[in-house]
Amino acid sequence: MKTALLGFVLVVMVGSTGCNRGTAPAPAAPTNAPATSAQPLTAPVDYVGAVGRAGQHSAQVVDLAQVKQAIQQFHAGEDRYPQNLEELVREGYLAKLPKLPAGREYRYDPATGQVR
């Protein structure tokens, strides 16, 4: 009886550890794999392009902020919003309306004074 019980315990222990014949461990990812698809040879050009795009974006943000500030100054001085953005130039709140990149346009709502 003890021999049968001992044999059963050994079978259970060996069976539970198994040899995992059907599954192979997943290969580890290489630690020196590149994080992006960028190539080292094009890095300087990529950097210059990113700096140029950042400069254009910041100029657009500053220009839009100037227009919004002029609208608020107009509203404070005239107690109404301008009928259109050209009125800001005519009344002297802006020297000229900042140019937008090709394909872009100002969207102005004279009822609320919001510009996008």
N, C-alpha and C. Protein backbone atom coordinates (compact mmCIF):
# COMPACT_ATOMS: atom_id res chain seq x y z
N MET A 1 0.81 -1.17 0.00
CA MET A 1 0.00 0.00 0.00
C MET A 1 0.86 1.25 0.00
N LYS A 2 1.91 1.26 0.85
CA LYS A 2 2.80 2.41 0.88
C LYS A 2 3.52 2.54 -0.46
N THR A 3 3.88 1.46 -1.06
CA THR A 3 4.59 1.49 -2.33
C THR A 3 3.68 2.05 -3.42
N ALA A 4 2.43 1.69 -3.41
CA ALA A 4 1.48 2.20 -4.40
C ALA A 4 1.27 3.69 -4.22
N LEU A 5 1.16 4.13 -2.96
CA LEU A 5 0.96 5.55 -2.67
C LEU A 5 2.19 6.35 -3.07
N LEU A 6 3.37 5.82 -2.78
CA LEU A 6 4.61 6.49 -3.14
C LEU A 6 4.74 6.58 -4.66
N GLY A 7 4.37 5.56 -5.37
CA GLY A 7 4.41 5.56 -6.83
C GLY A 7 3.44 6.59 -7.41
N PHE A 8 2.27 6.69 -6.81
CA PHE A 8 1.27 7.65 -7.26
C PHE A 8 1.78 9.07 -7.06
N VAL A 9 2.38 9.35 -5.91
CA VAL A 9 2.91 10.68 -5.62
C VAL A 9 4.01 11.04 -6.61
N LEU A 10 4.88 10.09 -6.92
CA LEU A 10 5.95 10.35 -7.89
C LEU A 10 5.40 10.64 -9.27
N VAL A 11 4.37 9.92 -9.68
CA VAL A 11 3.76 10.14 -10.99
C VAL A 11 3.13 11.53 -11.04
N VAL A 12 2.47 11.91 -9.98
CA VAL A 12 1.84 13.24 -9.93
C VAL A 12 2.89 14.33 -9.98
N MET A 13 3.97 14.17 -9.23
CA MET A 13 5.02 15.18 -9.21
C MET A 13 5.71 15.30 -10.56
N VAL A 14 6.03 14.22 -11.17
CA VAL A 14 6.68 14.24 -12.47
C VAL A 14 5.72 14.79 -13.52
N GLY A 15 4.48 14.40 -13.44
CA GLY A 15 3.48 14.88 -14.40
C GLY A 15 3.21 16.37 -14.26
N SER A 16 3.27 16.91 -13.05
CA SER A 16 2.97 18.32 -12.85
C SER A 16 4.13 19.21 -13.31
N THR A 17 5.36 18.73 -13.20
CA THR A 17 6.47 19.54 -13.68
C THR A 17 6.57 19.46 -15.18
N GLY A 18 6.29 18.31 -15.74
CA GLY A 18 6.24 18.13 -17.20
C GLY A 18 7.50 18.56 -17.89
N CYS A 19 7.52 18.30 -19.17
CA CYS A 19 8.69 18.69 -19.96
C CYS A 19 8.32 19.74 -21.00
N ASN A 20 7.05 20.15 -21.07
CA ASN A 20 6.60 21.21 -21.98
C ASN A 20 7.09 20.99 -23.41
N ARG A 21 6.83 19.81 -23.93
CA ARG A 21 7.29 19.51 -25.29
C ARG A 21 6.55 20.35 -26.33
N GLY A 22 5.27 20.66 -26.11
CA GLY A 22 4.47 21.34 -27.13
C GLY A 22 4.70 22.84 -27.18
N THR A 23 5.21 23.45 -26.15
CA THR A 23 5.36 24.90 -26.16
C THR A 23 6.82 25.27 -25.98
N ALA A 24 7.27 26.17 -26.80
CA ALA A 24 8.63 26.66 -26.69
C ALA A 24 8.58 28.06 -26.09
N PRO A 25 9.55 28.43 -25.29
CA PRO A 25 9.54 29.78 -24.73
C PRO A 25 9.70 30.82 -25.83
N ALA A 26 9.05 31.94 -25.64
CA ALA A 26 9.13 33.02 -26.63
C ALA A 26 10.54 33.58 -26.64
N PRO A 27 11.09 33.85 -27.83
CA PRO A 27 12.44 34.42 -27.87
C PRO A 27 12.42 35.83 -27.31
N ALA A 28 13.46 36.17 -26.60
CA ALA A 28 13.57 37.50 -26.02
C ALA A 28 13.84 38.52 -27.12
N ALA A 29 13.25 39.69 -26.97
CA ALA A 29 13.48 40.76 -27.94
C ALA A 29 14.91 41.28 -27.78
N PRO A 30 15.57 41.57 -28.88
CA PRO A 30 16.93 42.09 -28.76
C PRO A 30 16.92 43.45 -28.07
N THR A 31 17.88 43.68 -27.22
CA THR A 31 17.93 44.92 -26.46
C THR A 31 18.50 46.07 -27.27
N ASN A 32 19.15 45.80 -28.35
CA ASN A 32 19.73 46.87 -29.16
C ASN A 32 18.91 47.17 -30.41
N ALA A 33 17.64 46.78 -30.40
CA ALA A 33 16.78 47.05 -31.55
C ALA A 33 16.46 48.54 -31.59
N PRO A 34 16.36 49.14 -32.78
CA PRO A 34 16.05 50.57 -32.85
C PRO A 34 14.64 50.85 -32.36
N ALA A 35 14.46 51.98 -31.69
CA ALA A 35 13.16 52.35 -31.13
C ALA A 35 12.21 52.83 -32.22
N THR A 36 12.73 53.40 -33.29
CA THR A 36 11.89 53.89 -34.38
C THR A 36 12.45 53.39 -35.69
N SER A 37 11.77 53.73 -36.74
CA SER A 37 12.24 53.31 -38.06
C SER A 37 13.21 54.32 -38.67
N ALA A 38 13.60 55.34 -37.91
CA ALA A 38 14.52 56.35 -38.42
C ALA A 38 15.90 55.74 -38.67
N GLN A 39 16.54 56.25 -39.66
CA GLN A 39 17.86 55.77 -40.02
C GLN A 39 18.91 56.75 -39.49
N PRO A 40 20.02 56.27 -38.98
CA PRO A 40 21.05 57.17 -38.45
C PRO A 40 21.58 58.15 -39.49
N LEU A 41 21.62 57.72 -40.74
CA LEU A 41 22.15 58.60 -41.78
C LEU A 41 21.23 59.78 -42.07
N THR A 42 19.92 59.61 -41.85
CA THR A 42 18.98 60.70 -42.13
C THR A 42 18.64 61.51 -40.88
N ALA A 43 19.24 61.19 -39.76
CA ALA A 43 18.92 61.88 -38.51
C ALA A 43 19.13 63.40 -38.60
N PRO A 44 20.23 63.89 -39.16
CA PRO A 44 20.38 65.36 -39.24
C PRO A 44 19.29 66.02 -40.08
N VAL A 45 18.93 65.41 -41.17
CA VAL A 45 17.88 65.97 -42.03
C VAL A 45 16.53 65.91 -41.30
N ASP A 46 16.26 64.78 -40.63
CA ASP A 46 15.02 64.66 -39.87
C ASP A 46 14.94 65.72 -38.79
N TYR A 47 16.06 65.98 -38.13
CA TYR A 47 16.09 66.98 -37.06
C TYR A 47 15.81 68.37 -37.61
N VAL A 48 16.48 68.72 -38.70
CA VAL A 48 16.28 70.04 -39.30
C VAL A 48 14.83 70.21 -39.73
N GLY A 49 14.24 69.17 -40.31
CA GLY A 49 12.84 69.24 -40.72
C GLY A 49 11.92 69.42 -39.53
N ALA A 50 12.20 68.72 -38.43
CA ALA A 50 11.37 68.85 -37.23
C ALA A 50 11.48 70.25 -36.64
N VAL A 51 12.68 70.81 -36.65
CA VAL A 51 12.87 72.18 -36.14
C VAL A 51 12.10 73.18 -37.00
N GLY A 52 12.15 72.99 -38.31
CA GLY A 52 11.42 73.89 -39.21
C GLY A 52 9.92 73.82 -38.99
N ARG A 53 9.39 72.59 -38.84
CA ARG A 53 7.95 72.44 -38.59
C ARG A 53 7.56 73.05 -37.24
N ALA A 54 8.41 72.90 -36.24
CA ALA A 54 8.12 73.47 -34.92
C ALA A 54 8.12 74.99 -35.00
N GLY A 55 9.03 75.56 -35.78
CA GLY A 55 9.07 77.02 -35.95
C GLY A 55 7.82 77.54 -36.64
N GLN A 56 7.35 76.83 -37.66
CA GLN A 56 6.13 77.25 -38.35
C GLN A 56 4.93 77.17 -37.42
N HIS A 57 4.85 76.09 -36.65
CA HIS A 57 3.73 75.93 -35.73
C HIS A 57 3.73 77.03 -34.66
N SER A 58 4.89 77.32 -34.10
CA SER A 58 4.94 78.35 -33.07
C SER A 58 4.59 79.72 -33.64
N ALA A 59 4.99 80.00 -34.87
CA ALA A 59 4.63 81.27 -35.50
C ALA A 59 3.12 81.37 -35.68
N GLN A 60 2.47 80.27 -36.06
CA GLN A 60 1.02 80.27 -36.21
C GLN A 60 0.33 80.52 -34.87
N VAL A 61 0.85 79.91 -33.82
CA VAL A 61 0.26 80.09 -32.49
C VAL A 61 0.39 81.54 -32.05
N VAL A 62 1.55 82.14 -32.27
CA VAL A 62 1.77 83.54 -31.88
C VAL A 62 0.87 84.46 -32.70
N ASP A 63 0.76 84.22 -34.00
CA ASP A 63 -0.09 85.05 -34.85
C ASP A 63 -1.55 84.98 -34.40
N LEU A 64 -2.03 83.79 -34.10
CA LEU A 64 -3.41 83.63 -33.65
C LEU A 64 -3.62 84.33 -32.31
N ALA A 65 -2.64 84.26 -31.43
CA ALA A 65 -2.74 84.93 -30.13
C ALA A 65 -2.82 86.45 -30.32
N GLN A 66 -2.06 86.99 -31.28
CA GLN A 66 -2.12 88.43 -31.56
C GLN A 66 -3.51 88.84 -32.05
N VAL A 67 -4.08 88.04 -32.92
CA VAL A 67 -5.41 88.35 -33.44
C VAL A 67 -6.43 88.29 -32.31
N LYS A 68 -6.35 87.27 -31.47
CA LYS A 68 -7.29 87.16 -30.35
C LYS A 68 -7.15 88.33 -29.40
N GLN A 69 -5.92 88.76 -29.13
CA GLN A 69 -5.70 89.89 -28.25
C GLN A 69 -6.27 91.17 -28.87
N ALA A 70 -6.09 91.34 -30.17
CA ALA A 70 -6.64 92.52 -30.84
C ALA A 70 -8.16 92.52 -30.77
N ILE A 71 -8.79 91.36 -30.89
CA ILE A 71 -10.25 91.26 -30.77
C ILE A 71 -10.69 91.68 -29.38
N GLN A 72 -9.97 91.22 -28.36
CA GLN A 72 -10.33 91.58 -26.98
C GLN A 72 -10.14 93.08 -26.73
N GLN A 73 -9.08 93.66 -27.27
CA GLN A 73 -8.85 95.10 -27.13
C GLN A 73 -9.94 95.89 -27.85
N PHE A 74 -10.32 95.43 -29.03
CA PHE A 74 -11.40 96.08 -29.78
C PHE A 74 -12.69 96.03 -28.97
N HIS A 75 -12.98 94.86 -28.40
CA HIS A 75 -14.20 94.69 -27.62
C HIS A 75 -14.19 95.60 -26.38
N ALA A 76 -13.05 95.73 -25.74
CA ALA A 76 -12.94 96.59 -24.56
C ALA A 76 -13.11 98.06 -24.93
N GLY A 77 -12.56 98.47 -26.09
CA GLY A 77 -12.64 99.87 -26.50
C GLY A 77 -13.95 100.25 -27.16
N GLU A 78 -14.54 99.35 -27.92
CA GLU A 78 -15.72 99.67 -28.71
C GLU A 78 -17.01 99.10 -28.11
N ASP A 79 -16.89 98.24 -27.13
CA ASP A 79 -18.02 97.58 -26.47
C ASP A 79 -18.83 96.71 -27.44
N ARG A 80 -18.15 96.19 -28.41
CA ARG A 80 -18.73 95.23 -29.36
C ARG A 80 -17.60 94.50 -30.03
N TYR A 81 -17.90 93.39 -30.65
CA TYR A 81 -16.89 92.66 -31.41
C TYR A 81 -16.83 93.21 -32.82
N PRO A 82 -15.67 93.14 -33.47
CA PRO A 82 -15.59 93.64 -34.85
C PRO A 82 -16.46 92.78 -35.78
N GLN A 83 -16.98 93.43 -36.82
CA GLN A 83 -17.81 92.71 -37.80
C GLN A 83 -17.00 91.68 -38.57
N ASN A 84 -15.73 92.00 -38.83
CA ASN A 84 -14.83 91.07 -39.50
C ASN A 84 -13.41 91.40 -39.05
N LEU A 85 -12.47 90.55 -39.43
CA LEU A 85 -11.09 90.75 -38.97
C LEU A 85 -10.42 91.94 -39.64
N GLU A 86 -10.87 92.31 -40.81
CA GLU A 86 -10.30 93.48 -41.49
C GLU A 86 -10.60 94.76 -40.72
N GLU A 87 -11.69 94.78 -39.96
CA GLU A 87 -12.02 95.95 -39.15
C GLU A 87 -10.96 96.21 -38.08
N LEU A 88 -10.29 95.16 -37.62
CA LEU A 88 -9.21 95.33 -36.66
C LEU A 88 -8.07 96.13 -37.27
N VAL A 89 -7.81 95.91 -38.55
CA VAL A 89 -6.75 96.64 -39.24
C VAL A 89 -7.20 98.08 -39.51
N ARG A 90 -8.44 98.26 -39.99
CA ARG A 90 -8.95 99.61 -40.28
C ARG A 90 -8.96 100.49 -39.04
N GLU A 91 -9.29 99.93 -37.90
CA GLU A 91 -9.40 100.72 -36.66
C GLU A 91 -8.07 100.84 -35.93
N GLY A 92 -7.01 100.19 -36.43
CA GLY A 92 -5.68 100.34 -35.85
C GLY A 92 -5.34 99.37 -34.73
N TYR A 93 -6.13 98.35 -34.55
CA TYR A 93 -5.82 97.37 -33.51
C TYR A 93 -4.76 96.36 -33.98
N LEU A 94 -4.62 96.20 -35.27
CA LEU A 94 -3.57 95.37 -35.87
C LEU A 94 -2.96 96.15 -37.03
N ALA A 95 -1.65 96.05 -37.20
CA ALA A 95 -1.01 96.69 -38.35
C ALA A 95 -1.44 96.00 -39.64
N LYS A 96 -1.48 94.70 -39.62
CA LYS A 96 -1.98 93.91 -40.74
C LYS A 96 -2.38 92.55 -40.19
N LEU A 97 -3.24 91.89 -40.91
CA LEU A 97 -3.68 90.55 -40.51
C LEU A 97 -2.57 89.56 -40.85
N PRO A 98 -2.10 88.78 -39.87
CA PRO A 98 -1.02 87.82 -40.14
C PRO A 98 -1.43 86.82 -41.22
N LYS A 99 -0.48 86.51 -42.10
CA LYS A 99 -0.74 85.55 -43.17
C LYS A 99 -0.73 84.13 -42.61
N LEU A 100 -1.60 83.33 -43.16
CA LEU A 100 -1.67 81.92 -42.79
C LEU A 100 -1.03 81.09 -43.88
N PRO A 101 -0.61 79.87 -43.55
CA PRO A 101 -0.07 78.99 -44.60
C PRO A 101 -1.11 78.72 -45.68
N ALA A 102 -0.65 78.35 -46.84
CA ALA A 102 -1.56 78.06 -47.95
C ALA A 102 -2.57 77.00 -47.54
N GLY A 103 -3.81 77.22 -47.90
CA GLY A 103 -4.86 76.26 -47.59
C GLY A 103 -5.52 76.50 -46.24
N ARG A 104 -5.04 77.46 -45.48
CA ARG A 104 -5.62 77.76 -44.17
C ARG A 104 -6.36 79.09 -44.25
N GLU A 105 -7.35 79.25 -43.40
CA GLU A 105 -8.08 80.51 -43.34
C GLU A 105 -8.56 80.75 -41.92
N TYR A 106 -8.75 82.01 -41.58
CA TYR A 106 -9.28 82.36 -40.28
C TYR A 106 -10.78 82.08 -40.27
N ARG A 107 -11.26 81.56 -39.18
CA ARG A 107 -12.70 81.39 -38.99
C ARG A 107 -13.10 82.26 -37.81
N TYR A 108 -13.85 83.29 -38.11
CA TYR A 108 -14.21 84.29 -37.10
C TYR A 108 -15.71 84.34 -36.93
N ASP A 109 -16.15 84.36 -35.67
CA ASP A 109 -17.57 84.49 -35.35
C ASP A 109 -17.79 85.85 -34.71
N PRO A 110 -18.39 86.81 -35.42
CA PRO A 110 -18.55 88.16 -34.87
C PRO A 110 -19.52 88.21 -33.69
N ALA A 111 -20.37 87.24 -33.53
CA ALA A 111 -21.31 87.25 -32.40
C ALA A 111 -20.60 86.96 -31.09
N THR A 112 -19.59 86.11 -31.12
CA THR A 112 -18.90 85.72 -29.89
C THR A 112 -17.48 86.25 -29.81
N GLY A 113 -16.91 86.70 -30.92
CA GLY A 113 -15.54 87.16 -30.94
C GLY A 113 -14.52 86.04 -30.98
N GLN A 114 -14.96 84.84 -31.26
CA GLN A 114 -14.05 83.69 -31.32
C GLN A 114 -13.43 83.57 -32.71
N VAL A 115 -12.13 83.30 -32.71
CA VAL A 115 -11.41 83.11 -33.98
C VAL A 115 -10.62 81.81 -33.89
N ARG A 116 -10.61 81.10 -35.00
CA ARG A 116 -9.82 79.85 -35.09
C ARG A 116 -9.10 79.83 -36.41
